[in-house]
C-alpha atoms as a PDB file:
ATOM      1  CA  MET A   1       8.941 -34.461  -0.639  1.00  0.00           C
ATOM      2  CA  LYS A   2       9.583 -31.689   1.803  1.00  0.00           C
ATOM      3  CA  ARG A   3       6.979 -28.938   2.333  1.00  0.00           C
ATOM      4  CA  LYS A   4       7.981 -25.294   2.115  1.00  0.00           C
ATOM      5  CA  GLN A   5       7.467 -23.623   5.308  1.00  0.00           C
ATOM      6  CA  LYS A   6       5.248 -20.527   5.086  1.00  0.00           C
ATOM      7  CA  GLU A   7       7.111 -17.347   5.356  1.00  0.00           C
ATOM      8  CA  SER A   8       5.466 -15.048   8.055  1.00  0.00           C
ATOM      9  CA  LYS A   9       3.835 -12.327   6.146  1.00  0.00           C
ATOM     10  CA  GLU A  10       4.525  -8.790   7.005  1.00  0.00           C
ATOM     11  CA  GLN A  11       1.940  -6.464   7.990  1.00  0.00           C
ATOM     12  CA  GLU A  12      -0.031  -4.830   4.982  1.00  0.00           C
ATOM     13  CA  PHE A  13      -1.047  -1.231   4.638  1.00  0.00           C
ATOM     14  CA  ILE A  14      -3.220   1.066   2.324  1.00  0.00           C
ATOM     15  CA  ILE A  15      -1.585   4.280   1.653  1.00  0.00           C
ATOM     16  CA  MET A  16      -3.822   7.429   1.706  1.00  0.00           C
ATOM     17  CA  ASN A  17      -2.652  10.966   0.618  1.00  0.00           C
ATOM     18  CA  GLU A  18      -3.571  14.357   1.696  1.00  0.00           C
ATOM     19  CA  TYR A  19      -6.577  14.349  -0.765  1.00  0.00           C
ATOM     20  CA  ASN A  20      -8.108  11.300   0.936  1.00  0.00           C
ATOM     21  CA  GLU A  21      -7.070   9.139  -2.181  1.00  0.00           C
ATOM     22  CA  VAL A  22      -5.627   5.758  -2.046  1.00  0.00           C
ATOM     23  CA  PHE A  23      -2.432   4.416  -3.584  1.00  0.00           C
ATOM     24  CA  SER A  24      -3.660   2.243  -6.594  1.00  0.00           C
ATOM     25  CA  GLY A  25      -0.341   1.256  -8.350  1.00  0.00           C
ATOM     26  CA  LEU A  26       2.123   2.785 -10.557  1.00  0.00           C
ATOM     27  CA  LYS A  27       1.663   4.542 -13.918  1.00  0.00           C
ATOM     28  CA  ASN A  28       3.946   4.284 -16.942  1.00  0.00           C
ATOM     29  CA  GLY A  29       7.185   5.798 -16.083  1.00  0.00           C
ATOM     30  CA  GLY A  30       7.029   4.726 -12.364  1.00  0.00           C
ATOM     31  CA  LYS A  31       4.856   7.714 -11.147  1.00  0.00           C
ATOM     32  CA  PHE A  32       2.419   6.927  -8.293  1.00  0.00           C
ATOM     33  CA  LYS A  33      -1.088   6.257  -9.317  1.00  0.00           C
ATOM     34  CA  TRP A  34      -3.945   7.642  -6.706  1.00  0.00           C
ATOM     35  CA  SER A  35      -7.536   7.006  -6.739  1.00  0.00           C
ATOM     36  CA  SER A  36     -10.537   8.477  -5.254  1.00  0.00           C
ATOM     37  CA  ASP A  37     -12.166   5.060  -5.426  1.00  0.00           C
ATOM     38  CA  TRP A  38     -11.238   3.014  -2.357  1.00  0.00           C
ATOM     39  CA  ASN A  39     -11.962  -0.223  -3.902  1.00  0.00           C
ATOM     40  CA  GLU A  40      -8.987   0.291  -6.179  1.00  0.00           C
ATOM     41  CA  ALA A  41      -6.568   0.592  -3.222  1.00  0.00           C
ATOM     42  CA  LYS A  42      -3.463  -1.754  -3.619  1.00  0.00           C
ATOM     43  CA  PRO A  43      -2.377  -3.246  -0.086  1.00  0.00           C
ATOM     44  CA  LEU A  44       1.363  -3.150   0.404  1.00  0.00           C
ATOM     45  CA  GLU A  45       3.589  -4.743   2.938  1.00  0.00           C
ATOM     46  CA  TYR A  46       5.299  -2.176   5.178  1.00  0.00           C
ATOM     47  CA  SER A  47       8.702  -2.659   3.708  1.00  0.00           C
ATOM     48  CA  ASN A  48       7.243  -2.074   0.303  1.00  0.00           C
ATOM     49  CA  THR A  49       6.253   1.558   1.272  1.00  0.00           C
ATOM     50  CA  THR A  50       9.721   2.889   1.791  1.00  0.00           C
ATOM     51  CA  PHE A  51      10.008   4.577  -1.753  1.00  0.00           C
ATOM     52  CA  ILE A  52       6.599   6.121  -1.645  1.00  0.00           C
ATOM     53  CA  ARG A  53       7.248   7.389   2.115  1.00  0.00           C
ATOM     54  CA  MET A  54      10.262   9.012   0.880  1.00  0.00           C
ATOM     55  CA  LEU A  55       8.947  10.821  -2.039  1.00  0.00           C
ATOM     56  CA  THR A  56       5.318  11.731  -1.074  1.00  0.00           C
ATOM     57  CA  LYS A  57       4.442  14.206   1.806  1.00  0.00           C
ATOM     58  CA  ASN A  58       1.311  13.979   3.945  1.00  0.00           C
ATOM     59  CA  ILE A  59       0.522  10.262   3.541  1.00  0.00           C
ATOM     60  CA  GLU A  60      -1.285   7.940   6.110  1.00  0.00           C
ATOM     61  CA  LEU A  61      -0.586   4.200   6.301  1.00  0.00           C
ATOM     62  CA  ILE A  62      -3.858   2.413   7.378  1.00  0.00           C
ATOM     63  CA  LYS A  63      -3.614  -1.110   8.597  1.00  0.00           C
ATOM     64  CA  ILE A  64      -5.258  -3.527   6.166  1.00  0.00           C
ATOM     65  CA  GLU A  65      -7.545  -4.893   9.067  1.00  0.00           C
ATOM     66  CA  ASP A  66      -8.705  -1.493   9.914  1.00  0.00           C
ATOM     67  CA  PHE A  67      -9.350  -0.602   6.409  1.00  0.00           C
ATOM     68  CA  TYR A  68     -11.786  -3.425   5.884  1.00  0.00           C
ATOM     69  CA  ASN A  69     -13.526  -3.125   9.323  1.00  0.00           C
END
């Protein structure tokens, strides 16, 4: 049996909007869900932030390791 090689994982980020809320997922209808509770933050790999970066102004990407330190 061959073992699968681990794919190198992309850098993960927390997305913060201009109101200091974090991206916490999608609502019905595909709208972005934001939360002031930072425990609800949903980390995303950089390649998965393209859509939200195109549609949302004044956001900041925070490296996951900076977020938890």
